[in-house]
PDB file of N, CA and C in Angstrom:
ATOM      1  N   MET A   1     180.474  99.941  -0.330  1.00  0.00           N
ATOM      2  CA  MET A   1     180.064  98.563  -0.524  1.00  0.00           C
ATOM      3  C   MET A   1     179.224  98.056   0.647  1.00  0.00           C
ATOM      4  N   LYS A   2     179.483  98.553   1.856  1.00  0.00           N
ATOM      5  CA  LYS A   2     178.729  98.106   3.021  1.00  0.00           C
ATOM      6  C   LYS A   2     177.243  98.425   2.869  1.00  0.00           C
ATOM      7  N   GLN A   3     176.950  99.584   2.260  1.00  0.00           N
ATOM      8  CA  GLN A   3     175.560  99.973   2.080  1.00  0.00           C
ATOM      9  C   GLN A   3     174.843  98.970   1.183  1.00  0.00           C
ATOM     10  N   ALA A   4     175.510  98.526   0.140  1.00  0.00           N
ATOM     11  CA  ALA A   4     174.904  97.539  -0.754  1.00  0.00           C
ATOM     12  C   ALA A   4     174.666  96.232  -0.004  1.00  0.00           C
ATOM     13  N   SER A   5     175.580  95.859   0.862  1.00  0.00           N
ATOM     14  CA  SER A   5     175.435  94.618   1.621  1.00  0.00           C
ATOM     15  C   SER A   5     174.230  94.657   2.549  1.00  0.00           C
ATOM     16  N   ILE A   6     174.075  95.749   3.291  1.00  0.00           N
ATOM     17  CA  ILE A   6     172.945  95.818   4.216  1.00  0.00           C
ATOM     18  C   ILE A   6     171.617  95.869   3.466  1.00  0.00           C
ATOM     19  N   THR A   7     171.608  96.533   2.325  1.00  0.00           N
ATOM     20  CA  THR A   7     170.344  96.600   1.590  1.00  0.00           C
ATOM     21  C   THR A   7     170.031  95.280   0.901  1.00  0.00           C
ATOM     22  N   LEU A   8     171.038  94.481   0.574  1.00  0.00           N
ATOM     23  CA  LEU A   8     170.764  93.126   0.069  1.00  0.00           C
ATOM     24  C   LEU A   8     170.138  92.283   1.171  1.00  0.00           C
ATOM     25  N   GLU A   9     170.590  92.486   2.395  1.00  0.00           N
ATOM     26  CA  GLU A   9     169.980  91.777   3.532  1.00  0.00           C
ATOM     27  C   GLU A   9     168.517  92.207   3.712  1.00  0.00           C
ATOM     28  N   MET A  10     168.261  93.509   3.596  1.00  0.00           N
ATOM     29  CA  MET A  10     166.876  93.998   3.688  1.00  0.00           C
ATOM     30  C   MET A  10     166.023  93.347   2.606  1.00  0.00           C
ATOM     31  N   TRP A  11     166.545  93.339   1.398  1.00  0.00           N
ATOM     32  CA  TRP A  11     165.809  92.773   0.267  1.00  0.00           C
ATOM     33  C   TRP A  11     165.510  91.306   0.526  1.00  0.00           C
ATOM     34  N   TRP A  12     166.502  90.589   1.010  1.00  0.00           N
ATOM     35  CA  TRP A  12     166.363  89.158   1.286  1.00  0.00           C
ATOM     36  C   TRP A  12     165.226  88.908   2.281  1.00  0.00           C
ATOM     37  N   ILE A  13     165.132  89.736   3.303  1.00  0.00           N
ATOM     38  CA  ILE A  13     164.092  89.581   4.316  1.00  0.00           C
ATOM     39  C   ILE A  13     162.711  89.896   3.751  1.00  0.00           C
ATOM     40  N   VAL A  14     162.574  91.018   3.045  1.00  0.00           N
ATOM     41  CA  VAL A  14     161.248  91.395   2.540  1.00  0.00           C
ATOM     42  C   VAL A  14     160.795  90.501   1.391  1.00  0.00           C
ATOM     43  N   GLU A  15     161.723  89.780   0.777  1.00  0.00           N
ATOM     44  CA  GLU A  15     161.379  88.870  -0.302  1.00  0.00           C
ATOM     45  C   GLU A  15     161.256  87.426   0.183  1.00  0.00           C
ATOM     46  N   ASP A  16     160.904  87.257   1.437  1.00  0.00           N
ATOM     47  CA  ASP A  16     160.688  85.927   2.008  1.00  0.00           C
ATOM     48  C   ASP A  16     161.888  85.004   1.800  1.00  0.00           C
ATOM     49  N   TYR A  17     163.062  85.555   1.994  1.00  0.00           N
ATOM     50  CA  TYR A  17     164.318  84.817   1.993  1.00  0.00           C
ATOM     51  C   TYR A  17     164.703  84.222   0.638  1.00  0.00           C
ATOM     52  N   LYS A  18     164.184  84.792  -0.433  1.00  0.00           N
ATOM     53  CA  LYS A  18     164.671  84.410  -1.766  1.00  0.00           C
ATOM     54  C   LYS A  18     166.038  85.066  -1.934  1.00  0.00           C
ATOM     55  N   PRO A  19     166.976  84.381  -2.565  1.00  0.00           N
ATOM     56  CA  PRO A  19     168.280  85.020  -2.760  1.00  0.00           C
ATOM     57  C   PRO A  19     168.196  86.171  -3.766  1.00  0.00           C
ATOM     58  N   PRO A  20     169.016  87.190  -3.574  1.00  0.00           N
ATOM     59  CA  PRO A  20     169.049  88.273  -4.555  1.00  0.00           C
ATOM     60  C   PRO A  20     169.377  87.716  -5.942  1.00  0.00           C
ATOM     61  N   PHE A  21     168.770  88.279  -6.936  1.00  0.00           N
ATOM     62  CA  PHE A  21     168.983  87.880  -8.335  1.00  0.00           C
ATOM     63  C   PHE A  21     168.423  86.494  -8.637  1.00  0.00           C
ATOM     64  N   PHE A  22     167.506  85.993  -7.798  1.00  0.00           N
ATOM     65  CA  PHE A  22     166.942  84.662  -8.019  1.00  0.00           C
ATOM     66  C   PHE A  22     166.290  84.533  -9.395  1.00  0.00           C
ATOM     67  N   ASP A  23     165.832  85.667  -9.922  1.00  0.00           N
ATOM     68  CA  ASP A  23     165.157  85.650 -11.215  1.00  0.00           C
ATOM     69  C   ASP A  23     166.118  85.903 -12.385  1.00  0.00           C
ATOM     70  N   MET A  24     167.425  86.030 -12.082  1.00  0.00           N
ATOM     71  CA  MET A  24     168.412  86.335 -13.123  1.00  0.00           C
ATOM     72  C   MET A  24     169.507  85.287 -13.253  1.00  0.00           C
ATOM     73  N   VAL A  25     169.649  84.435 -12.244  1.00  0.00           N
ATOM     74  CA  VAL A  25     170.714  83.422 -12.259  1.00  0.00           C
ATOM     75  C   VAL A  25     170.141  82.071 -11.843  1.00  0.00           C
ATOM     76  N   PRO A  26     170.875  80.977 -12.118  1.00  0.00           N
ATOM     77  CA  PRO A  26     170.417  79.658 -11.664  1.00  0.00           C
ATOM     78  C   PRO A  26     170.355  79.577 -10.135  1.00  0.00           C
ATOM     79  N   ILE A  27     169.781  78.516  -9.635  1.00  0.00           N
ATOM     80  CA  ILE A  27     169.613  78.341  -8.185  1.00  0.00           C
ATOM     81  C   ILE A  27     170.947  78.391  -7.448  1.00  0.00           C
ATOM     82  N   ASP A  28     171.970  77.762  -7.974  1.00  0.00           N
ATOM     83  CA  ASP A  28     173.288  77.764  -7.347  1.00  0.00           C
ATOM     84  C   ASP A  28     174.278  78.403  -8.318  1.00  0.00           C
ATOM     85  N   PRO A  29     174.265  79.745  -8.432  1.00  0.00           N
ATOM     86  CA  PRO A  29     175.083  80.394  -9.458  1.00  0.00           C
ATOM     87  C   PRO A  29     176.576  80.315  -9.166  1.00  0.00           C
ATOM     88  N   SER A  30     177.336  80.284 -10.217  1.00  0.00           N
ATOM     89  CA  SER A  30     178.791  80.313 -10.080  1.00  0.00           C
ATOM     90  C   SER A  30     179.237  81.754  -9.849  1.00  0.00           C
ATOM     91  N   PHE A  31     180.475  81.908  -9.457  1.00  0.00           N
ATOM     92  CA  PHE A  31     181.044  83.239  -9.285  1.00  0.00           C
ATOM     93  C   PHE A  31     180.956  84.016 -10.599  1.00  0.00           C
ATOM     94  N   GLU A  32     181.269  83.363 -11.700  1.00  0.00           N
ATOM     95  CA  GLU A  32     181.248  84.012 -13.012  1.00  0.00           C
ATOM     96  C   GLU A  32     179.835  84.468 -13.398  1.00  0.00           C
ATOM     97  N   GLU A  33     178.835  83.666 -13.087  1.00  0.00           N
ATOM     98  CA  GLU A  33     177.446  84.051 -13.390  1.00  0.00           C
ATOM     99  C   GLU A  33     177.038  85.286 -12.585  1.00  0.00           C
ATOM    100  N   MET A  34     177.419  85.309 -11.314  1.00  0.00           N
ATOM    101  CA  MET A  34     177.103  86.471 -10.476  1.00  0.00           C
ATOM    102  C   MET A  34     177.882  87.701 -10.918  1.00  0.00           C
ATOM    103  N   LYS A  35     179.137  87.510 -11.262  1.00  0.00           N
ATOM    104  CA  LYS A  35     179.959  88.621 -11.726  1.00  0.00           C
ATOM    105  C   LYS A  35     179.348  89.254 -12.974  1.00  0.00           C
ATOM    106  N   LYS A  36     178.849  88.422 -13.880  1.00  0.00           N
ATOM    107  CA  LYS A  36     178.233  88.937 -15.096  1.00  0.00           C
ATOM    108  C   LYS A  36     177.000  89.772 -14.771  1.00  0.00           C
ATOM    109  N   VAL A  37     176.140  89.260 -13.911  1.00  0.00           N
ATOM    110  CA  VAL A  37     174.896  89.966 -13.573  1.00  0.00           C
ATOM    111  C   VAL A  37     175.186  91.280 -12.848  1.00  0.00           C
ATOM    112  N   VAL A  38     176.063  91.231 -11.854  1.00  0.00           N
ATOM    113  CA  VAL A  38     176.298  92.401 -11.004  1.00  0.00           C
ATOM    114  C   VAL A  38     177.299  93.383 -11.617  1.00  0.00           C
ATOM    115  N   CYS A  39     178.425  92.879 -12.089  1.00  0.00           N
ATOM    116  CA  CYS A  39     179.505  93.775 -12.546  1.00  0.00           C
ATOM    117  C   CYS A  39     179.399  94.140 -14.024  1.00  0.00           C
ATOM    118  N   VAL A  40     179.131  93.160 -14.858  1.00  0.00           N
ATOM    119  CA  VAL A  40     179.098  93.421 -16.293  1.00  0.00           C
ATOM    120  C   VAL A  40     177.767  94.040 -16.708  1.00  0.00           C
ATOM    121  N   ASP A  41     176.671  93.364 -16.342  1.00  0.00           N
ATOM    122  CA  ASP A  41     175.335  93.856 -16.724  1.00  0.00           C
ATOM    123  C   ASP A  41     174.833  94.964 -15.799  1.00  0.00           C
ATOM    124  N   GLN A  42     175.505  95.136 -14.654  1.00  0.00           N
ATOM    125  CA  GLN A  42     175.168  96.153 -13.651  1.00  0.00           C
ATOM    126  C   GLN A  42     173.694  96.098 -13.218  1.00  0.00           C
ATOM    127  N   GLN A  43     173.235  94.895 -12.957  1.00  0.00           N
ATOM    128  CA  GLN A  43     171.861  94.685 -12.502  1.00  0.00           C
ATOM    129  C   GLN A  43     171.767  94.894 -10.991  1.00  0.00           C
ATOM    130  N   THR A  44     170.593  95.221 -10.539  1.00  0.00           N
ATOM    131  CA  THR A  44     170.284  95.253  -9.114  1.00  0.00           C
ATOM    132  C   THR A  44     169.055  94.380  -8.921  1.00  0.00           C
ATOM    133  N   PRO A  45     168.858  93.855  -7.723  1.00  0.00           N
ATOM    134  CA  PRO A  45     167.655  93.053  -7.506  1.00  0.00           C
ATOM    135  C   PRO A  45     166.391  93.879  -7.787  1.00  0.00           C
ATOM    136  N   THR A  46     165.381  93.213  -8.260  1.00  0.00           N
ATOM    137  CA  THR A  46     164.109  93.873  -8.535  1.00  0.00           C
ATOM    138  C   THR A  46     163.381  94.133  -7.225  1.00  0.00           C
ATOM    139  N   ILE A  47     162.954  95.360  -7.025  1.00  0.00           N
ATOM    140  CA  ILE A  47     162.187  95.700  -5.824  1.00  0.00           C
ATOM    141  C   ILE A  47     160.718  95.459  -6.141  1.00  0.00           C
ATOM    142  N   PRO A  48     160.070  94.547  -5.414  1.00  0.00           N
ATOM    143  CA  PRO A  48     158.678  94.219  -5.717  1.00  0.00           C
ATOM    144  C   PRO A  48     157.729  95.397  -5.486  1.00  0.00           C
ATOM    145  N   ASN A  49     156.779  95.551  -6.358  1.00  0.00           N
ATOM    146  CA  ASN A  49     155.804  96.648  -6.258  1.00  0.00           C
ATOM    147  C   ASN A  49     155.023  96.619  -4.947  1.00  0.00           C
ATOM    148  N   ARG A  50     154.823  95.440  -4.392  1.00  0.00           N
ATOM    149  CA  ARG A  50     154.016  95.332  -3.162  1.00  0.00           C
ATOM    150  C   ARG A  50     154.628  96.109  -1.997  1.00  0.00           C
ATOM    151  N   LEU A  51     155.927  96.357  -2.054  1.00  0.00           N
ATOM    152  CA  LEU A  51     156.576  97.104  -0.967  1.00  0.00           C
ATOM    153  C   LEU A  51     156.088  98.539  -0.897  1.00  0.00           C
ATOM    154  N   TYR A  52     155.659  99.071  -2.023  1.00  0.00           N
ATOM    155  CA  TYR A  52     155.261 100.479  -2.069  1.00  0.00           C
ATOM    156  C   TYR A  52     153.861 100.729  -1.500  1.00  0.00           C
ATOM    157  N   SER A  53     153.130  99.668  -1.158  1.00  0.00           N
ATOM    158  CA  SER A  53     151.791  99.850  -0.600  1.00  0.00           C
ATOM    159  C   SER A  53     151.796  99.971   0.921  1.00  0.00           C
ATOM    160  N   ASP A  54     152.940  99.754   1.541  1.00  0.00           N
ATOM    161  CA  ASP A  54     153.067  99.840   2.998  1.00  0.00           C
ATOM    162  C   ASP A  54     154.109 100.917   3.321  1.00  0.00           C
ATOM    163  N   PRO A  55     153.801 101.848   4.235  1.00  0.00           N
ATOM    164  CA  PRO A  55     154.733 102.939   4.520  1.00  0.00           C
ATOM    165  C   PRO A  55     156.119 102.473   4.989  1.00  0.00           C
ATOM    166  N   THR A  56     156.162 101.464   5.839  1.00  0.00           N
ATOM    167  CA  THR A  56     157.436 100.980   6.352  1.00  0.00           C
ATOM    168  C   THR A  56     158.241 100.288   5.254  1.00  0.00           C
ATOM    169  N   LEU A  57     157.583  99.388   4.536  1.00  0.00           N
ATOM    170  CA  LEU A  57     158.281  98.673   3.472  1.00  0.00           C
ATOM    171  C   LEU A  57     158.668  99.621   2.338  1.00  0.00           C
ATOM    172  N   SER A  58     157.857 100.628   2.117  1.00  0.00           N
ATOM    173  CA  SER A  58     158.168 101.624   1.100  1.00  0.00           C
ATOM    174  C   SER A  58     159.444 102.382   1.476  1.00  0.00           C
ATOM    175  N   ALA A  59     159.603 102.689   2.750  1.00  0.00           N
ATOM    176  CA  ALA A  59     160.819 103.366   3.216  1.00  0.00           C
ATOM    177  C   ALA A  59     162.038 102.468   3.000  1.00  0.00           C
ATOM    178  N   LEU A  60     161.894 101.181   3.281  1.00  0.00           N
ATOM    179  CA  LEU A  60     162.998 100.248   3.043  1.00  0.00           C
ATOM    180  C   LEU A  60     163.322 100.150   1.553  1.00  0.00           C
ATOM    181  N   ALA A  61     162.278 100.112   0.731  1.00  0.00           N
ATOM    182  CA  ALA A  61     162.480 100.044  -0.720  1.00  0.00           C
ATOM    183  C   ALA A  61     163.240 101.272  -1.218  1.00  0.00           C
ATOM    184  N   LYS A  62     162.893 102.420  -0.680  1.00  0.00           N
ATOM    185  CA  LYS A  62     163.567 103.657  -1.082  1.00  0.00           C
ATOM    186  C   LYS A  62     165.049 103.624  -0.688  1.00  0.00           C
ATOM    187  N   ILE A  63     165.334 103.144   0.521  1.00  0.00           N
ATOM    188  CA  ILE A  63     166.721 103.022   0.965  1.00  0.00           C
ATOM    189  C   ILE A  63     167.486 102.077   0.040  1.00  0.00           C
ATOM    190  N   MET A  64     166.880 100.925  -0.248  1.00  0.00           N
ATOM    191  CA  MET A  64     167.547  99.959  -1.123  1.00  0.00           C
ATOM    192  C   MET A  64     167.865 100.580  -2.475  1.00  0.00           C
ATOM    193  N   LYS A  65     166.872 101.210  -3.062  1.00  0.00           N
ATOM    194  CA  LYS A  65     167.054 101.803  -4.390  1.00  0.00           C
ATOM    195  C   LYS A  65     168.171 102.852  -4.374  1.00  0.00           C
ATOM    196  N   GLU A  66     168.198 103.675  -3.344  1.00  0.00           N
ATOM    197  CA  GLU A  66     169.187 104.748  -3.262  1.00  0.00           C
ATOM    198  C   GLU A  66     170.594 104.234  -2.942  1.00  0.00           C
ATOM    199  N   CYS A  67     170.700 103.022  -2.433  1.00  0.00           N
ATOM    200  CA  CYS A  67     172.016 102.436  -2.175  1.00  0.00           C
ATOM    201  C   CYS A  67     172.551 101.667  -3.372  1.00  0.00           C
ATOM    202  N   TRP A  68     171.719 101.457  -4.355  1.00  0.00           N
ATOM    203  CA  TRP A  68     172.121 100.663  -5.517  1.00  0.00           C
ATOM    204  C   TRP A  68     172.397 101.520  -6.752  1.00  0.00           C
ATOM    205  N   TYR A  69     172.489 102.829  -6.586  1.00  0.00           N
ATOM    206  CA  TYR A  69     172.843 103.670  -7.726  1.00  0.00           C
ATOM    207  C   TYR A  69     174.201 103.244  -8.266  1.00  0.00           C
ATOM    208  N   GLN A  70     174.377 103.339  -9.575  1.00  0.00           N
ATOM    209  CA  GLN A  70     175.642 102.953 -10.195  1.00  0.00           C
ATOM    210  C   GLN A  70     176.806 103.819  -9.710  1.00  0.00           C
ATOM    211  N   SER A  71     176.561 105.085  -9.537  1.00  0.00           N
ATOM    212  CA  SER A  71     177.616 105.995  -9.090  1.00  0.00           C
ATOM    213  C   SER A  71     177.736 105.948  -7.563  1.00  0.00           C
ATOM    214  N   PRO A  72     178.880 105.528  -7.035  1.00  0.00           N
ATOM    215  CA  PRO A  72     179.050 105.462  -5.580  1.00  0.00           C
ATOM    216  C   PRO A  72     178.763 106.781  -4.869  1.00  0.00           C
ATOM    217  N   SER A  73     179.100 107.895  -5.492  1.00  0.00           N
ATOM    218  CA  SER A  73     178.883 109.192  -4.837  1.00  0.00           C
ATOM    219  C   SER A  73     177.396 109.537  -4.720  1.00  0.00           C
ATOM    220  N   ALA A  74     176.553 108.886  -5.498  1.00  0.00           N
ATOM    221  CA  ALA A  74     175.109 109.139  -5.435  1.00  0.00           C
ATOM    222  C   ALA A  74     174.411 108.263  -4.396  1.00  0.00           C
ATOM    223  N   ARG A  75     175.096 107.253  -3.908  1.00  0.00           N
ATOM    224  CA  ARG A  75     174.489 106.312  -2.953  1.00  0.00           C
ATOM    225  C   ARG A  75     174.392 106.941  -1.567  1.00  0.00           C
ATOM    226  N   LEU A  76     173.450 106.442  -0.787  1.00  0.00           N
ATOM    227  CA  LEU A  76     173.322 106.880   0.602  1.00  0.00           C
ATOM    228  C   LEU A  76     174.569 106.480   1.388  1.00  0.00           C
ATOM    229  N   THR A  77     174.925 107.306   2.346  1.00  0.00           N
ATOM    230  CA  THR A  77     176.021 106.952   3.245  1.00  0.00           C
ATOM    231  C   THR A  77     175.473 106.044   4.349  1.00  0.00           C
ATOM    232  N   ALA A  78     176.378 105.362   5.021  1.00  0.00           N
ATOM    233  CA  ALA A  78     175.968 104.508   6.136  1.00  0.00           C
ATOM    234  C   ALA A  78     175.272 105.332   7.217  1.00  0.00           C
ATOM    235  N   LEU A  79     175.753 106.542   7.457  1.00  0.00           N
ATOM    236  CA  LEU A  79     175.135 107.408   8.462  1.00  0.00           C
ATOM    237  C   LEU A  79     173.711 107.782   8.050  1.00  0.00           C
ATOM    238  N   ARG A  80     173.495 108.092   6.781  1.00  0.00           N
ATOM    239  CA  ARG A  80     172.152 108.448   6.305  1.00  0.00           C
ATOM    240  C   ARG A  80     171.209 107.249   6.452  1.00  0.00           C
ATOM    241  N   ILE A  81     171.690 106.049   6.155  1.00  0.00           N
ATOM    242  CA  ILE A  81     170.860 104.842   6.326  1.00  0.00           C
ATOM    243  C   ILE A  81     170.486 104.693   7.788  1.00  0.00           C
ATOM    244  N   LYS A  82     171.470 104.839   8.672  1.00  0.00           N
ATOM    245  CA  LYS A  82     171.226 104.702  10.114  1.00  0.00           C
ATOM    246  C   LYS A  82     170.181 105.712  10.582  1.00  0.00           C
ATOM    247  N   LYS A  83     170.326 106.973  10.177  1.00  0.00           N
ATOM    248  CA  LYS A  83     169.385 108.009  10.614  1.00  0.00           C
ATOM    249  C   LYS A  83     167.982 107.764  10.062  1.00  0.00           C
ATOM    250  N   THR A  84     167.903 107.318   8.830  1.00  0.00           N
ATOM    251  CA  THR A  84     166.592 107.059   8.229  1.00  0.00           C
ATOM    252  C   THR A  84     165.907 105.893   8.931  1.00  0.00           C
ATOM    253  N   LEU A  85     166.646 104.823   9.181  1.00  0.00           N
ATOM    254  CA  LEU A  85     166.066 103.679   9.889  1.00  0.00           C
ATOM    255  C   LEU A  85     165.663 104.059  11.309  1.00  0.00           C
ATOM    256  N   LYS A  86     166.476 104.878  11.969  1.00  0.00           N
ATOM    257  CA  LYS A  86     166.158 105.335  13.326  1.00  0.00           C
ATOM    258  C   LYS A  86     164.875 106.154  13.328  1.00  0.00           C
ATOM    259  N   LYS A  87     164.735 107.036  12.340  1.00  0.00           N
ATOM    260  CA  LYS A  87     163.527 107.865  12.245  1.00  0.00           C
ATOM    261  C   LYS A  87     162.285 106.992  12.106  1.00  0.00           C
ATOM    262  N   HIS A  88     162.370 105.977  11.261  1.00  0.00           N
ATOM    263  CA  HIS A  88     161.219 105.097  11.084  1.00  0.00           C
ATOM    264  C   HIS A  88     160.984 104.230  12.316  1.00  0.00           C
ATOM    265  N   SER A  89     162.047 103.818  12.969  1.00  0.00           N
ATOM    266  CA  SER A  89     161.924 103.039  14.195  1.00  0.00           C
ATOM    267  C   SER A  89     161.256 103.864  15.289  1.00  0.00           C
ATOM    268  N   ASP A  90     161.655 105.117  15.414  1.00  0.00           N
ATOM    269  CA  ASP A  90     161.065 105.996  16.424  1.00  0.00           C
ATOM    270  C   ASP A  90     159.578 106.206  16.187  1.00  0.00           C
ATOM    271  N   SER A  91     159.166 106.218  14.941  1.00  0.00           N
ATOM    272  CA  SER A  91     157.741 106.433  14.653  1.00  0.00           C
ATOM    273  C   SER A  91     156.903 105.254  15.124  1.00  0.00           C
ATOM    274  N   PHE A  92     157.503 104.067  15.239  1.00  0.00           N
ATOM    275  CA  PHE A  92     156.768 102.911  15.756  1.00  0.00           C
ATOM    276  C   PHE A  92     156.604 102.985  17.260  1.00  0.00           C
ATOM    277  N   ASP A  93     157.555 103.640  17.933  1.00  0.00           N
ATOM    278  CA  ASP A  93     157.547 103.710  19.387  1.00  0.00           C
ATOM    279  C   ASP A  93     156.542 104.716  19.932  1.00  0.00           C
ATOM    280  N   LYS A  94     156.150 105.661  19.108  1.00  0.00           N
ATOM    281  CA  LYS A  94     155.228 106.692  19.579  1.00  0.00           C
ATOM    282  C   LYS A  94     153.800 106.151  19.587  1.00  0.00           C
ATOM    283  N   PRO A  95     153.116 106.263  20.744  1.00  0.00           N
ATOM    284  CA  PRO A  95     151.734 105.784  20.791  1.00  0.00           C
ATOM    285  C   PRO A  95     150.833 106.678  19.934  1.00  0.00           C
ATOM    286  N   LYS A  96     149.912 106.050  19.278  1.00  0.00           N
ATOM    287  CA  LYS A  96     148.944 106.795  18.475  1.00  0.00           C
ATOM    288  C   LYS A  96     147.880 107.370  19.396  1.00  0.00           C
ATOM    289  N   GLN A  97     147.547 108.629  19.189  1.00  0.00           N
ATOM    290  CA  GLN A  97     146.528 109.255  20.006  1.00  0.00           C
ATOM    291  C   GLN A  97     145.222 109.258  19.221  1.00  0.00           C
ATOM    292  N   HIS A  98     144.203 108.774  19.893  1.00  0.00           N
ATOM    293  CA  HIS A  98     142.873 108.750  19.269  1.00  0.00           C
ATOM    294  C   HIS A  98     141.994 109.780  19.967  1.00  0.00           C
ATOM    295  N   PHE A  99     141.374 110.610  19.208  1.00  0.00           N
ATOM    296  CA  PHE A  99     140.489 111.636  19.768  1.00  0.00           C
ATOM    297  C   PHE A  99     139.062 111.308  19.491  1.00  0.00           C
TER     298      PHE A  99
END
């Protein structure tokens, strides 16, 4: 469940702070409305296509998608998320060499 929580936070940030499921529930949804969308209908937030045009945002989109699989055993582990984010973070720290 922690993986889903962190990826909802990622989604919230890349979507300019729109709440998850903003396009599926009212502005101030009740517990029952959210339960229906998430548990009964098994929906996940929509990942915007624009994320796939940027390498960094595309990596975040991939992490989000892989953490939202219906089967818990298919989801990324917290360690895998950490290592993937670290790998992308390290790539920002390396200076680009121009020849």
